[in-house]
């Protein structure tokens, strides 16, 4: 038995329809996911937990790509490729997709974990004057992925949260005057 049998005309037409259909469905699903995530971003959740536009685009593109791949594999079946060839191709694609996802999230995961730690702990707080490496200033924002430090000249530096957690932080302690009664 051959791994490929020559398709007839109707199978080629079906394969083309499937590829065009998966393209259309992929675009619609991608836009739908993007709109849902943007509505979630605008909802009443804390500012620090809101999704980044890059993450929203990444998620919608992953959905679109998966639908494209599914349509392509389904079209291969109509073109006469054997189940074994399609399975091998599917496994190779899954590994490729996972490698891309892991590579693209290599900075996201440590920064998000450090962001949760910074938001829950009192290591730094908004309004604290700190020094990290060559940067010295006041913490203006602490988000899930990064924090913003306003320097003495009023310029702002965005620092990844993983860097803040890993580096030595010098925090200026301001003592409030205690009134005697």
C-alpha atoms as a PDB file:
ATOM      1  CA  UNK A   1       0.000   0.000   0.000  1.00  0.00           C
ATOM      2  CA  UNK A   2       1.307   3.403  -0.950  1.00  0.00           C
ATOM      3  CA  UNK A   3       1.554   6.380   1.412  1.00  0.00           C
ATOM      4  CA  UNK A   4      -0.049   8.512  -1.279  1.00  0.00           C
ATOM      5  CA  UNK A   5      -2.792   7.780  -3.770  1.00  0.00           C
ATOM      6  CA  UNK A   6      -3.433  10.209  -6.597  1.00  0.00           C
ATOM      7  CA  UNK A   7      -6.540  12.299  -5.801  1.00  0.00           C
ATOM      8  CA  UNK A   8      -9.412  12.668  -8.210  1.00  0.00           C
ATOM      9  CA  UNK A   9     -10.801  16.072  -9.218  1.00  0.00           C
ATOM     10  CA  UNK A  10     -13.558  16.224  -6.601  1.00  0.00           C
ATOM     11  CA  UNK A  11     -11.063  15.494  -3.786  1.00  0.00           C
ATOM     12  CA  UNK A  12      -8.885  18.396  -4.938  1.00  0.00           C
ATOM     13  CA  UNK A  13     -11.928  20.684  -4.915  1.00  0.00           C
ATOM     14  CA  UNK A  14     -12.842  19.492  -1.393  1.00  0.00           C
ATOM     15  CA  UNK A  15      -9.271  20.106  -0.217  1.00  0.00           C
ATOM     16  CA  UNK A  16      -9.296  23.633  -1.649  1.00  0.00           C
ATOM     17  CA  UNK A  17     -12.677  24.342  -0.007  1.00  0.00           C
ATOM     18  CA  UNK A  18     -11.375  23.041   3.320  1.00  0.00           C
ATOM     19  CA  UNK A  19      -8.253  25.208   3.136  1.00  0.00           C
ATOM     20  CA  UNK A  20     -10.281  28.316   2.219  1.00  0.00           C
ATOM     21  CA  UNK A  21     -12.831  27.499   4.935  1.00  0.00           C
ATOM     22  CA  UNK A  22     -10.151  27.021   7.584  1.00  0.00           C
ATOM     23  CA  UNK A  23      -8.601  30.335   6.533  1.00  0.00           C
ATOM     24  CA  UNK A  24     -11.941  32.132   6.972  1.00  0.00           C
ATOM     25  CA  UNK A  25     -12.772  30.331  10.239  1.00  0.00           C
ATOM     26  CA  UNK A  26      -9.246  31.021  11.545  1.00  0.00           C
ATOM     27  CA  UNK A  27      -9.592  34.748  10.863  1.00  0.00           C
ATOM     28  CA  UNK A  28     -13.047  34.888  12.488  1.00  0.00           C
ATOM     29  CA  UNK A  29     -11.919  32.891  15.541  1.00  0.00           C
ATOM     30  CA  UNK A  30      -8.800  35.038  15.896  1.00  0.00           C
ATOM     31  CA  UNK A  31     -10.839  38.252  15.821  1.00  0.00           C
ATOM     32  CA  UNK A  32     -13.338  36.762  18.279  1.00  0.00           C
ATOM     33  CA  UNK A  33     -10.598  35.796  20.768  1.00  0.00           C
ATOM     34  CA  UNK A  34      -8.949  39.204  20.354  1.00  0.00           C
ATOM     35  CA  UNK A  35     -12.266  41.006  21.071  1.00  0.00           C
ATOM     36  CA  UNK A  36     -13.002  38.835  24.121  1.00  0.00           C
ATOM     37  CA  UNK A  37      -9.542  39.454  25.568  1.00  0.00           C
ATOM     38  CA  UNK A  38      -9.776  43.201  24.895  1.00  0.00           C
ATOM     39  CA  UNK A  39     -13.147  43.296  26.723  1.00  0.00           C
ATOM     40  CA  UNK A  40     -11.520  41.408  29.592  1.00  0.00           C
ATOM     41  CA  UNK A  41      -8.715  43.969  29.573  1.00  0.00           C
ATOM     42  CA  UNK A  42     -11.275  46.793  29.878  1.00  0.00           C
ATOM     43  CA  UNK A  43     -13.196  45.067  32.686  1.00  0.00           C
ATOM     44  CA  UNK A  44     -13.023  46.018  36.351  1.00  0.00           C
ATOM     45  CA  UNK A  45     -10.010  43.901  37.217  1.00  0.00           C
ATOM     46  CA  UNK A  46      -6.992  45.444  38.946  1.00  0.00           C
ATOM     47  CA  UNK A  47      -4.713  47.377  36.594  1.00  0.00           C
ATOM     48  CA  UNK A  48      -1.763  45.155  37.449  1.00  0.00           C
ATOM     49  CA  UNK A  49      -3.531  42.017  36.183  1.00  0.00           C
ATOM     50  CA  UNK A  50      -4.709  43.432  32.866  1.00  0.00           C
ATOM     51  CA  UNK A  51      -3.465  41.744  29.716  1.00  0.00           C
ATOM     52  CA  UNK A  52      -0.801  43.313  27.566  1.00  0.00           C
ATOM     53  CA  UNK A  53      -1.663  44.030  23.904  1.00  0.00           C
ATOM     54  CA  UNK A  54       1.234  41.809  22.831  1.00  0.00           C
ATOM     55  CA  UNK A  55      -0.185  38.889  24.820  1.00  0.00           C
ATOM     56  CA  UNK A  56      -3.637  39.451  23.307  1.00  0.00           C
ATOM     57  CA  UNK A  57      -2.182  39.416  19.783  1.00  0.00           C
ATOM     58  CA  UNK A  58      -0.126  36.325  20.606  1.00  0.00           C
ATOM     59  CA  UNK A  59      -3.169  34.383  21.868  1.00  0.00           C
ATOM     60  CA  UNK A  60      -5.321  35.318  18.879  1.00  0.00           C
ATOM     61  CA  UNK A  61      -2.529  34.404  16.446  1.00  0.00           C
ATOM     62  CA  UNK A  62      -2.056  31.008  18.104  1.00  0.00           C
ATOM     63  CA  UNK A  63      -5.780  30.261  17.674  1.00  0.00           C
ATOM     64  CA  UNK A  64      -5.641  31.333  14.032  1.00  0.00           C
ATOM     65  CA  UNK A  65      -2.539  29.253  13.350  1.00  0.00           C
ATOM     66  CA  UNK A  66      -4.006  26.123  14.974  1.00  0.00           C
ATOM     67  CA  UNK A  67      -7.141  26.377  12.832  1.00  0.00           C
ATOM     68  CA  UNK A  68      -5.011  26.854   9.701  1.00  0.00           C
ATOM     69  CA  UNK A  69      -2.978  23.747  10.564  1.00  0.00           C
ATOM     70  CA  UNK A  70      -6.110  21.715  11.293  1.00  0.00           C
ATOM     71  CA  UNK A  71      -7.563  22.720   7.918  1.00  0.00           C
ATOM     72  CA  UNK A  72      -4.321  21.874   6.130  1.00  0.00           C
ATOM     73  CA  UNK A  73      -4.150  18.420   7.736  1.00  0.00           C
ATOM     74  CA  UNK A  74      -7.805  17.757   6.975  1.00  0.00           C
ATOM     75  CA  UNK A  75      -7.201  18.778   3.339  1.00  0.00           C
ATOM     76  CA  UNK A  76      -4.273  16.341   3.153  1.00  0.00           C
ATOM     77  CA  UNK A  77      -6.669  13.523   4.001  1.00  0.00           C
ATOM     78  CA  UNK A  78      -8.854  14.443   1.026  1.00  0.00           C
ATOM     79  CA  UNK A  79      -5.798  14.511  -1.210  1.00  0.00           C
ATOM     80  CA  UNK A  80      -5.049  10.873  -0.439  1.00  0.00           C
ATOM     81  CA  UNK A  81      -2.190  11.046   2.039  1.00  0.00           C
ATOM     82  CA  UNK A  82      -2.123   8.085   4.390  1.00  0.00           C
ATOM     83  CA  UNK A  83      -3.070   8.367   8.028  1.00  0.00           C
ATOM     84  CA  UNK A  84       0.515   7.578   9.058  1.00  0.00           C
ATOM     85  CA  UNK A  85       1.982  10.449   7.022  1.00  0.00           C
ATOM     86  CA  UNK A  86      -0.602  12.867   8.443  1.00  0.00           C
ATOM     87  CA  UNK A  87       0.083  11.669  12.010  1.00  0.00           C
ATOM     88  CA  UNK A  88       3.849  12.131  11.584  1.00  0.00           C
ATOM     89  CA  UNK A  89       3.283  15.583  10.131  1.00  0.00           C
ATOM     90  CA  UNK A  90       0.890  16.411  13.014  1.00  0.00           C
ATOM     91  CA  UNK A  91       3.380  15.345  15.687  1.00  0.00           C
ATOM     92  CA  UNK A  92       6.152  17.376  14.034  1.00  0.00           C
ATOM     93  CA  UNK A  93       3.866  20.427  13.903  1.00  0.00           C
ATOM     94  CA  UNK A  94       2.839  20.014  17.547  1.00  0.00           C
ATOM     95  CA  UNK A  95       6.501  19.934  18.622  1.00  0.00           C
ATOM     96  CA  UNK A  96       7.256  22.969  16.472  1.00  0.00           C
ATOM     97  CA  UNK A  97       4.301  24.875  17.956  1.00  0.00           C
ATOM     98  CA  UNK A  98       5.307  23.942  21.505  1.00  0.00           C
ATOM     99  CA  UNK A  99       8.888  25.040  20.850  1.00  0.00           C
ATOM    100  CA  UNK A 100       7.689  28.422  19.558  1.00  0.00           C
ATOM    101  CA  UNK A 101       5.356  28.866  22.553  1.00  0.00           C
ATOM    102  CA  UNK A 102       8.035  27.935  25.092  1.00  0.00           C
ATOM    103  CA  UNK A 103      10.596  30.176  23.405  1.00  0.00           C
ATOM    104  CA  UNK A 104       8.195  33.127  23.243  1.00  0.00           C
ATOM    105  CA  UNK A 105       7.118  32.720  26.880  1.00  0.00           C
ATOM    106  CA  UNK A 106      10.634  32.325  28.297  1.00  0.00           C
ATOM    107  CA  UNK A 107      10.595  35.894  29.637  1.00  0.00           C
ATOM    108  CA  UNK A 108       6.868  36.098  30.328  1.00  0.00           C
ATOM    109  CA  UNK A 109       6.694  33.354  32.955  1.00  0.00           C
ATOM    110  CA  UNK A 110       9.519  34.597  35.249  1.00  0.00           C
ATOM    111  CA  UNK A 111       8.302  38.200  34.969  1.00  0.00           C
ATOM    112  CA  UNK A 112       4.702  37.206  35.749  1.00  0.00           C
ATOM    113  CA  UNK A 113       5.777  35.103  38.740  1.00  0.00           C
ATOM    114  CA  UNK A 114       7.960  37.956  40.016  1.00  0.00           C
ATOM    115  CA  UNK A 115       5.086  40.381  39.401  1.00  0.00           C
ATOM    116  CA  UNK A 116       2.712  38.324  41.524  1.00  0.00           C
ATOM    117  CA  UNK A 117       5.378  38.148  44.227  1.00  0.00           C
ATOM    118  CA  UNK A 118       5.929  41.926  44.142  1.00  0.00           C
ATOM    119  CA  UNK A 119       2.195  42.633  44.233  1.00  0.00           C
ATOM    120  CA  UNK A 120       1.629  40.300  47.198  1.00  0.00           C
ATOM    121  CA  UNK A 121       4.749  41.110  49.211  1.00  0.00           C
ATOM    122  CA  UNK A 122       5.914  44.398  50.627  1.00  0.00           C
ATOM    123  CA  UNK A 123       9.326  44.199  48.989  1.00  0.00           C
ATOM    124  CA  UNK A 124       8.563  47.429  47.139  1.00  0.00           C
ATOM    125  CA  UNK A 125       5.459  49.584  47.040  1.00  0.00           C
ATOM    126  CA  UNK A 126       4.275  52.448  44.879  1.00  0.00           C
ATOM    127  CA  UNK A 127       5.911  55.625  46.152  1.00  0.00           C
ATOM    128  CA  UNK A 128       9.030  53.899  47.530  1.00  0.00           C
ATOM    129  CA  UNK A 129      12.388  55.475  46.689  1.00  0.00           C
ATOM    130  CA  UNK A 130      14.742  52.697  45.635  1.00  0.00           C
ATOM    131  CA  UNK A 131      18.043  52.069  43.889  1.00  0.00           C
ATOM    132  CA  UNK A 132      18.572  49.044  41.624  1.00  0.00           C
ATOM    133  CA  UNK A 133      21.883  48.832  39.780  1.00  0.00           C
ATOM    134  CA  UNK A 134      22.425  52.248  38.165  1.00  0.00           C
ATOM    135  CA  UNK A 135      18.778  53.319  38.518  1.00  0.00           C
ATOM    136  CA  UNK A 136      17.562  55.408  41.438  1.00  0.00           C
ATOM    137  CA  UNK A 137      14.086  56.830  41.745  1.00  0.00           C
ATOM    138  CA  UNK A 138      10.503  56.450  42.927  1.00  0.00           C
ATOM    139  CA  UNK A 139       8.300  53.457  42.088  1.00  0.00           C
ATOM    140  CA  UNK A 140       5.332  54.772  40.080  1.00  0.00           C
ATOM    141  CA  UNK A 141       3.707  51.507  38.937  1.00  0.00           C
ATOM    142  CA  UNK A 142       3.949  47.810  39.700  1.00  0.00           C
ATOM    143  CA  UNK A 143       2.334  45.675  36.990  1.00  0.00           C
ATOM    144  CA  UNK A 144       2.206  41.953  36.372  1.00  0.00           C
ATOM    145  CA  UNK A 145       5.206  41.948  34.019  1.00  0.00           C
ATOM    146  CA  UNK A 146       7.158  45.113  34.838  1.00  0.00           C
ATOM    147  CA  UNK A 147       7.457  48.073  37.164  1.00  0.00           C
ATOM    148  CA  UNK A 148       8.015  51.724  36.343  1.00  0.00           C
ATOM    149  CA  UNK A 149      10.640  53.752  38.164  1.00  0.00           C
ATOM    150  CA  UNK A 150      10.661  57.554  37.870  1.00  0.00           C
ATOM    151  CA  UNK A 151      14.187  58.876  38.002  1.00  0.00           C
ATOM    152  CA  UNK A 152      15.341  62.175  39.501  1.00  0.00           C
ATOM    153  CA  UNK A 153      15.164  63.956  36.129  1.00  0.00           C
ATOM    154  CA  UNK A 154      11.480  62.868  35.781  1.00  0.00           C
ATOM    155  CA  UNK A 155      12.317  60.323  33.084  1.00  0.00           C
ATOM    156  CA  UNK A 156      10.863  56.850  33.537  1.00  0.00           C
ATOM    157  CA  UNK A 157      12.486  53.449  33.299  1.00  0.00           C
ATOM    158  CA  UNK A 158      10.516  50.247  32.839  1.00  0.00           C
ATOM    159  CA  UNK A 159      12.162  47.399  34.718  1.00  0.00           C
ATOM    160  CA  UNK A 160      11.199  43.732  34.253  1.00  0.00           C
ATOM    161  CA  UNK A 161       9.875  42.330  37.520  1.00  0.00           C
ATOM    162  CA  UNK A 162      12.249  39.369  37.379  1.00  0.00           C
ATOM    163  CA  UNK A 163      15.175  41.811  37.398  1.00  0.00           C
ATOM    164  CA  UNK A 164      13.780  43.608  40.448  1.00  0.00           C
ATOM    165  CA  UNK A 165      13.415  40.370  42.388  1.00  0.00           C
ATOM    166  CA  UNK A 166      16.890  39.106  41.410  1.00  0.00           C
ATOM    167  CA  UNK A 167      18.867  42.307  41.989  1.00  0.00           C
ATOM    168  CA  UNK A 168      19.925  43.942  45.219  1.00  0.00           C
ATOM    169  CA  UNK A 169      17.435  46.684  46.056  1.00  0.00           C
ATOM    170  CA  UNK A 170      18.398  49.602  48.241  1.00  0.00           C
ATOM    171  CA  UNK A 171      15.208  51.055  49.647  1.00  0.00           C
ATOM    172  CA  UNK A 172      15.139  54.453  51.304  1.00  0.00           C
ATOM    173  CA  UNK A 173      13.188  54.185  54.509  1.00  0.00           C
ATOM    174  CA  UNK A 174      11.082  57.194  55.338  1.00  0.00           C
ATOM    175  CA  UNK A 175       9.905  57.363  58.888  1.00  0.00           C
ATOM    176  CA  UNK A 176       6.685  59.071  59.677  1.00  0.00           C
ATOM    177  CA  UNK A 177       6.611  61.294  62.694  1.00  0.00           C
ATOM    178  CA  UNK A 178       4.651  59.765  65.524  1.00  0.00           C
ATOM    179  CA  UNK A 179       2.546  62.252  67.385  1.00  0.00           C
ATOM    180  CA  UNK A 180       2.658  62.046  71.153  1.00  0.00           C
ATOM    181  CA  UNK A 181      -0.648  62.204  72.905  1.00  0.00           C
END
